[in-house]
Amino acid sequence: MPQPVVSILVPFKNTEAFITDCMRSILSQTYNHWEAIFIDDHSNDLSVSIVEKFSKNDHRIKCFKNEGTGIIEALRTAFKHSTGDYITRMDSDDIMTPNRLEVMLSNLLKHGKQHLAIGQVKYFRDDGISDGYARYQRWINQLTENGSNYSEIYKECVVPSPCWMLHRDDFIACEGFEPNRYPEDYDLTFRFYRAGYTCIPCNKVLLHWRDYSTRTSRTHEHYAINYFLDIKVHYFLELDYDSHRPLTIWGAGHKGKTVAKLLIDEQIPFYWICDNPKKIGKDIYGQKLLNFNYLQQLHLPQTIVTVANDNEQKDIVAYFEQQKMLSMTDYFFFC
């Protein structure tokens, strides 16, 4: 019986300093039945010549020009040229562990369709990673170890863009790279969630995730915080908002104000609460800020929490638990 082919989709632009390491990590995979579709997003360095050199020595490596501009168009172009039974994505500046494809494919073959293979990640940087990235790494790996990634999907992107795999049919069913919505990895994660694909728990590091100052997620406007909040509100209203229940926003900082604006634009009614005595009673956007205890006067409220401080979040969770309110049903952390 023929072994299934895994299509690895790799968009790239001006990553000549890193793309050889990426390529070698793909060539070192313990599972050999793969094709790597590299898509050049109009590079002006030596990236293309590096990929073409490798492709001459291995027919599994293919290089094409982006049919449009930008990473979403590059990913669409890659998928168009793919033929594999399973789809995964890789970034040209990152490194796969040798067992990545084997582990992910084995998990998918075991569990079947409607499942999403994921893996733990390890950040690396020449001068050491920041505390923020270290916290994110611990957080996302803990979720991945339990397969509970969706439980905190409104906080951050809970599926690393270069570290997932699923069956081709499932990828097509959740609209793949069709939407023009950034950040594209977070949007795709929400569509995995919407489709009900189960995250398969994984306790192995399968990706070494490179950080550097000119990385796209650090520099491009599409990865700014307002885009993340746009996506969160968009999918919350589609997937988890119950219009028959009163909605509240907890927190009146920058994120709270941004969420409030987005809800006002969508003509979604809400109450605005906080636990900051200096803000209670103030009027913002025509909305009066109420004491958080106002929640107890509402019947079965849903709450979007925009408070970022870790200690304050713990206190808020304790309060919700006292009220017998459930995460991802009654309250949703947006940061």
Protein backbone atom coordinates (compact mmCIF):
# COMPACT_ATOMS: atom_id res chain seq x y z
CA MET A 1 0.00 0.00 0.00
CA PRO A 2 1.50 3.38 -0.99
CA GLN A 3 2.53 5.72 1.79
CA PRO A 4 0.59 9.02 2.01
CA VAL A 5 2.35 12.11 0.71
CA VAL A 6 2.65 15.18 2.92
CA SER A 7 2.67 18.55 1.16
CA ILE A 8 4.82 21.11 2.98
CA LEU A 9 3.83 24.65 1.97
CA VAL A 10 6.67 27.17 2.39
CA PRO A 11 6.21 30.83 1.41
CA PHE A 12 9.41 32.88 1.46
CA LYS A 13 10.69 36.38 0.87
CA ASN A 14 14.27 37.54 1.34
CA THR A 15 15.28 34.85 3.84
CA GLU A 16 18.62 33.91 2.29
CA ALA A 17 20.22 33.93 5.75
CA PHE A 18 17.92 31.19 7.04
CA ILE A 19 16.36 29.24 4.19
CA THR A 20 19.22 26.72 3.91
CA ASP A 21 18.69 25.67 7.55
CA CYS A 22 14.97 25.27 6.85
CA MET A 23 15.66 23.21 3.74
CA ARG A 24 18.11 20.92 5.49
CA SER A 25 15.64 20.29 8.30
CA ILE A 26 13.08 19.16 5.71
CA LEU A 27 15.60 16.92 3.97
CA SER A 28 16.47 15.36 7.36
CA GLN A 29 12.93 14.15 8.05
CA THR A 30 12.56 10.55 9.17
CA TYR A 31 9.41 10.34 7.02
CA ASN A 32 10.43 10.53 3.37
CA HIS A 33 7.15 10.72 1.45
CA TRP A 34 6.77 14.47 1.19
CA GLU A 35 6.86 17.31 -1.29
CA ALA A 36 8.06 20.79 -0.34
CA ILE A 37 6.35 23.59 -2.29
CA PHE A 38 8.43 26.76 -1.95
CA ILE A 39 6.75 29.97 -3.14
CA ASP A 40 8.88 33.04 -3.81
CA ASP A 41 7.01 36.19 -2.77
CA HIS A 42 9.09 38.48 -5.02
CA SER A 43 12.44 38.17 -3.23
CA ASN A 44 15.34 40.38 -4.24
CA ASP A 45 18.08 38.43 -2.48
CA LEU A 46 19.60 34.98 -3.10
CA SER A 47 16.69 33.00 -1.60
CA VAL A 48 15.38 31.76 -4.96
CA SER A 49 18.76 30.55 -6.20
CA ILE A 50 19.28 28.65 -2.93
CA VAL A 51 15.94 26.85 -3.27
CA GLU A 52 16.52 26.11 -6.95
CA LYS A 53 19.92 24.62 -6.15
CA PHE A 54 18.32 22.19 -3.70
CA SER A 55 15.47 21.39 -6.09
CA LYS A 56 17.91 20.27 -8.79
CA ASN A 57 19.19 17.58 -6.42
CA ASP A 58 15.83 16.42 -5.05
CA HIS A 59 12.64 16.18 -7.14
CA ARG A 60 10.50 16.51 -4.00
CA ILE A 61 11.50 20.18 -3.72
CA LYS A 62 9.62 22.55 -6.03
CA CYS A 63 9.89 26.31 -6.43
CA PHE A 64 7.28 28.65 -7.93
CA LYS A 65 6.67 32.38 -8.13
CA ASN A 66 3.85 33.86 -6.10
CA GLU A 67 0.90 34.42 -8.43
CA GLY A 68 -0.05 37.48 -6.38
CA THR A 69 1.59 39.51 -3.62
CA GLY A 70 1.83 38.80 0.07
CA ILE A 71 1.79 35.73 2.26
CA ILE A 72 -1.87 34.76 1.75
CA GLU A 73 -1.48 34.75 -2.03
CA ALA A 74 1.79 32.83 -1.64
CA LEU A 75 0.06 30.19 0.48
CA ARG A 76 -2.76 29.90 -2.06
CA THR A 77 -0.21 29.45 -4.83
CA ALA A 78 1.56 26.76 -2.79
CA PHE A 79 -1.65 24.84 -2.17
CA LYS A 80 -2.60 25.09 -5.84
CA HIS A 81 0.63 23.28 -6.77
CA SER A 82 0.39 20.70 -3.96
CA THR A 83 -0.70 17.10 -4.53
CA GLY A 84 -0.31 15.54 -1.07
CA ASP A 85 -2.88 13.68 0.99
CA TYR A 86 -1.92 15.77 4.03
CA ILE A 87 -1.16 19.48 4.27
CA THR A 88 1.28 21.25 6.56
CA ARG A 89 2.89 24.67 6.55
CA MET A 90 6.45 25.71 7.26
CA ASP A 91 8.12 29.10 7.48
CA SER A 92 11.39 29.53 5.62
CA ASP A 93 13.22 30.94 8.63
CA ASP A 94 12.34 28.09 11.02
CA ILE A 95 13.65 24.56 11.57
CA MET A 96 11.75 21.26 11.78
CA THR A 97 12.86 18.60 14.21
CA PRO A 98 13.78 15.41 12.29
CA ASN A 99 10.69 13.55 13.53
CA ARG A 100 8.12 16.27 12.89
CA LEU A 101 6.39 14.80 9.84
CA GLU A 102 6.54 11.27 11.23
CA VAL A 103 4.96 12.25 14.56
CA MET A 104 2.22 14.39 13.03
CA LEU A 105 1.29 11.93 10.31
CA SER A 106 1.28 9.02 12.77
CA ASN A 107 -1.14 10.94 15.01
CA LEU A 108 -3.44 11.74 12.09
CA LEU A 109 -3.43 8.16 10.79
CA LYS A 110 -4.29 6.97 14.29
CA HIS A 111 -7.11 9.45 14.94
CA GLY A 112 -8.50 9.95 11.43
CA LYS A 113 -10.13 12.92 9.75
CA GLN A 114 -11.59 15.85 11.67
CA HIS A 115 -8.39 15.95 13.72
CA LEU A 116 -5.57 18.48 13.76
CA ALA A 117 -1.99 17.39 14.44
CA ILE A 118 0.02 19.98 16.36
CA GLY A 119 3.38 20.05 18.10
CA GLN A 120 5.24 21.90 20.79
CA VAL A 121 7.62 24.70 19.83
CA LYS A 122 10.92 26.09 21.02
CA TYR A 123 11.90 29.67 20.30
CA PHE A 124 15.51 30.51 19.56
CA ARG A 125 17.39 33.72 18.88
CA ASP A 126 21.10 34.54 18.62
CA ASP A 127 20.99 36.92 21.59
CA GLY A 128 18.39 34.97 23.60
CA ILE A 129 14.59 35.16 23.55
CA SER A 130 12.64 37.75 25.52
CA ASP A 131 10.60 37.02 28.64
CA GLY A 132 7.45 37.59 26.59
CA TYR A 133 8.32 34.91 24.06
CA ALA A 134 9.39 32.56 26.84
CA ARG A 135 5.98 32.99 28.51
CA TYR A 136 4.19 32.45 25.20
CA GLN A 137 6.23 29.29 24.59
CA ARG A 138 5.34 27.86 28.02
CA TRP A 139 1.68 28.78 27.59
CA ILE A 140 1.19 27.32 24.11
CA ASN A 141 3.18 24.16 24.89
CA GLN A 142 1.08 23.49 27.97
CA LEU A 143 -2.09 23.77 25.87
CA THR A 144 -0.59 21.54 23.17
CA GLU A 145 0.46 18.88 25.66
CA ASN A 146 -3.18 18.53 26.71
CA GLY A 147 -4.75 19.25 23.32
CA SER A 148 -6.75 22.01 25.03
CA ASN A 149 -5.64 24.75 22.62
CA TYR A 150 -9.12 26.05 21.84
CA SER A 151 -9.83 26.68 25.52
CA GLU A 152 -7.84 29.93 25.32
CA ILE A 153 -8.25 30.77 21.65
CA TYR A 154 -9.39 34.34 22.29
CA LYS A 155 -6.18 35.15 24.17
CA GLU A 156 -3.67 34.50 21.39
CA CYS A 157 -3.12 32.29 18.35
CA VAL A 158 -3.15 28.83 19.93
CA VAL A 159 -1.87 26.88 16.93
CA PRO A 160 1.61 27.91 15.69
CA SER A 161 1.41 28.67 11.96
CA PRO A 162 4.46 26.53 11.05
CA CYS A 163 3.47 23.55 13.23
CA TRP A 164 0.19 21.93 12.21
CA MET A 165 -0.95 19.19 9.82
CA LEU A 166 -4.32 17.89 8.69
CA HIS A 167 -5.92 15.83 5.94
CA ARG A 168 -6.32 17.59 2.61
CA ASP A 169 -10.10 17.13 2.66
CA ASP A 170 -10.34 18.79 6.07
CA PHE A 171 -8.13 21.65 4.92
CA ILE A 172 -10.42 22.30 1.96
CA ALA A 173 -13.54 21.94 4.10
CA CYS A 174 -12.46 24.76 6.45
CA GLU A 175 -11.71 27.06 3.47
CA GLY A 176 -7.92 26.71 3.63
CA PHE A 177 -6.23 29.96 2.66
CA GLU A 178 -9.29 31.44 0.94
CA PRO A 179 -10.16 34.38 3.24
CA ASN A 180 -8.27 37.67 2.88
CA ARG A 181 -8.10 38.17 6.62
CA TYR A 182 -4.95 38.89 8.60
CA PRO A 183 -3.23 37.62 10.62
CA GLU A 184 -3.81 34.62 8.35
CA ASP A 185 -2.54 32.05 10.87
CA TYR A 186 -4.90 33.23 13.60
CA ASP A 187 -7.81 33.33 11.16
CA LEU A 188 -7.08 29.76 10.06
CA THR A 189 -6.91 28.65 13.70
CA PHE A 190 -10.40 30.04 14.29
CA ARG A 191 -11.63 28.13 11.25
CA PHE A 192 -10.13 24.91 12.66
CA TYR A 193 -12.08 25.73 15.83
CA ARG A 194 -15.27 26.51 13.89
CA ALA A 195 -14.99 23.21 11.98
CA GLY A 196 -14.68 21.31 15.25
CA TYR A 197 -11.35 19.66 14.42
CA THR A 198 -9.96 18.04 17.55
CA CYS A 199 -6.41 19.03 18.51
CA ILE A 200 -4.35 15.89 19.08
CA PRO A 201 -2.28 16.26 22.29
CA CYS A 202 1.48 16.27 21.73
CA ASN A 203 4.31 16.30 24.27
CA LYS A 204 7.15 16.62 21.74
CA VAL A 205 8.90 19.73 20.44
CA LEU A 206 8.48 19.56 16.65
CA LEU A 207 9.49 23.07 15.61
CA HIS A 208 12.35 25.41 16.40
CA TRP A 209 10.81 28.84 15.94
CA ARG A 210 13.28 31.56 15.02
CA ASP A 211 12.93 35.08 16.38
CA TYR A 212 14.75 38.13 15.01
CA SER A 213 14.11 41.86 14.79
CA THR A 214 13.00 41.97 11.14
CA ARG A 215 10.65 39.00 11.34
CA THR A 216 7.36 39.72 9.56
CA SER A 217 5.21 39.23 12.66
CA ARG A 218 7.23 41.97 14.36
CA THR A 219 7.24 44.51 11.53
CA HIS A 220 4.18 44.17 9.29
CA GLU A 221 1.01 46.16 10.00
CA HIS A 222 -1.13 43.05 9.46
CA TYR A 223 0.22 41.62 12.72
CA ALA A 224 -0.57 44.67 14.84
CA ILE A 225 -2.78 44.22 17.89
CA ASN A 226 -5.84 45.87 16.26
CA TYR A 227 -5.95 43.10 13.66
CA PHE A 228 -5.89 40.48 16.40
CA LEU A 229 -8.82 42.17 18.14
CA ASP A 230 -10.71 42.47 14.84
CA ILE A 231 -10.42 38.72 14.36
CA LYS A 232 -11.34 37.93 17.96
CA VAL A 233 -14.50 40.01 17.84
CA HIS A 234 -15.42 38.71 14.36
CA TYR A 235 -15.27 35.05 15.40
CA PHE A 236 -16.69 35.61 18.88
CA LEU A 237 -19.82 37.13 17.36
CA GLU A 238 -20.05 34.25 14.88
CA LEU A 239 -19.23 31.31 17.13
CA ASP A 240 -19.72 32.01 20.84
CA TYR A 241 -21.89 35.10 21.30
CA ASP A 242 -25.44 34.41 22.42
CA SER A 243 -27.62 37.36 21.43
CA HIS A 244 -30.26 36.27 23.92
CA ARG A 245 -27.87 36.91 26.81
CA PRO A 246 -26.58 40.30 28.00
CA LEU A 247 -22.99 41.00 26.96
CA THR A 248 -20.43 42.84 29.07
CA ILE A 249 -16.87 44.07 28.58
CA TRP A 250 -14.63 43.91 31.64
CA GLY A 251 -11.78 46.40 31.39
CA ALA A 252 -11.43 49.94 30.04
CA GLY A 253 -7.82 50.05 28.90
CA HIS A 254 -6.70 50.29 25.28
CA LYS A 255 -7.94 46.79 24.40
CA GLY A 256 -11.23 47.30 26.18
CA LYS A 257 -11.83 50.53 24.28
CA THR A 258 -10.93 48.89 20.97
CA VAL A 259 -13.33 46.00 21.60
CA ALA A 260 -16.04 48.47 22.60
CA LYS A 261 -15.59 50.38 19.33
CA LEU A 262 -15.80 47.17 17.33
CA LEU A 263 -19.02 46.13 19.10
CA ILE A 264 -20.51 49.59 18.61
CA ASP A 265 -19.67 49.39 14.90
CA GLU A 266 -21.48 46.05 14.74
CA GLN A 267 -24.42 47.54 16.71
CA ILE A 268 -24.02 44.94 19.45
CA PRO A 269 -25.40 46.17 22.80
CA PHE A 270 -23.21 45.68 25.85
CA TYR A 271 -22.60 46.75 29.43
CA TRP A 272 -19.16 48.04 30.35
CA ILE A 273 -17.75 47.05 33.73
CA CYS A 274 -14.43 47.40 35.54
CA ASP A 275 -12.86 47.11 38.98
CA ASN A 276 -10.88 50.35 38.81
CA PRO A 277 -12.44 52.93 41.20
CA LYS A 278 -10.93 55.77 39.15
CA LYS A 279 -12.85 54.72 36.04
CA ILE A 280 -16.17 53.57 37.51
CA GLY A 281 -18.87 56.10 36.64
CA LYS A 282 -16.99 57.61 33.71
CA ASP A 283 -18.59 57.93 30.30
CA ILE A 284 -16.69 56.52 27.31
CA TYR A 285 -18.23 56.42 23.82
CA GLY A 286 -21.56 57.24 25.40
CA GLN A 287 -21.32 54.22 27.68
CA LYS A 288 -21.16 54.50 31.46
CA LEU A 289 -18.58 52.32 33.21
CA LEU A 290 -20.20 50.23 35.95
CA ASN A 291 -18.77 48.38 38.93
CA PHE A 292 -17.99 44.75 38.06
CA ASN A 293 -20.53 43.61 40.66
CA TYR A 294 -23.20 44.82 38.27
CA LEU A 295 -22.79 41.40 36.66
CA GLN A 296 -24.86 39.92 39.47
CA GLN A 297 -27.84 42.01 38.38
CA LEU A 298 -27.78 40.55 34.87
CA HIS A 299 -29.44 37.29 33.86
CA LEU A 300 -26.91 34.81 32.44
CA PRO A 301 -24.44 37.40 31.17
CA GLN A 302 -21.51 36.73 28.87
CA THR A 303 -18.32 38.66 29.52
CA ILE A 304 -15.36 39.63 27.34
CA VAL A 305 -12.38 40.25 29.63
CA THR A 306 -9.74 42.68 28.31
CA VAL A 307 -7.65 42.95 31.50
CA ALA A 308 -4.07 41.89 30.73
CA ASN A 309 -2.43 41.84 34.17
CA ASP A 310 -1.79 38.22 35.25
CA ASN A 311 -2.63 38.76 38.92
CA GLU A 312 -5.80 40.66 38.09
CA GLN A 313 -6.80 37.87 35.69
CA LYS A 314 -6.46 35.34 38.51
CA ASP A 315 -8.73 37.46 40.72
CA ILE A 316 -11.26 37.77 37.90
CA VAL A 317 -11.26 34.00 37.33
CA ALA A 318 -11.80 33.46 41.06
CA TYR A 319 -14.76 35.85 40.93
CA PHE A 320 -16.31 34.02 37.98
CA GLU A 321 -15.84 30.69 39.73
CA GLN A 322 -17.66 32.07 42.78
CA GLN A 323 -20.52 32.96 40.46
CA LYS A 324 -20.36 29.45 38.97
CA MET A 325 -19.59 30.89 35.55
CA LEU A 326 -17.69 28.81 32.98
CA SER A 327 -14.78 29.75 30.74
CA MET A 328 -15.60 29.77 26.98
CA THR A 329 -19.30 29.75 27.81
CA ASP A 330 -19.85 32.62 30.23
CA TYR A 331 -16.53 34.48 30.03
CA PHE A 332 -13.79 34.88 27.43
CA PHE A 333 -10.34 36.32 27.96
CA PHE A 334 -9.30 38.50 25.03
CA CYS A 335 -5.75 39.01 26.32
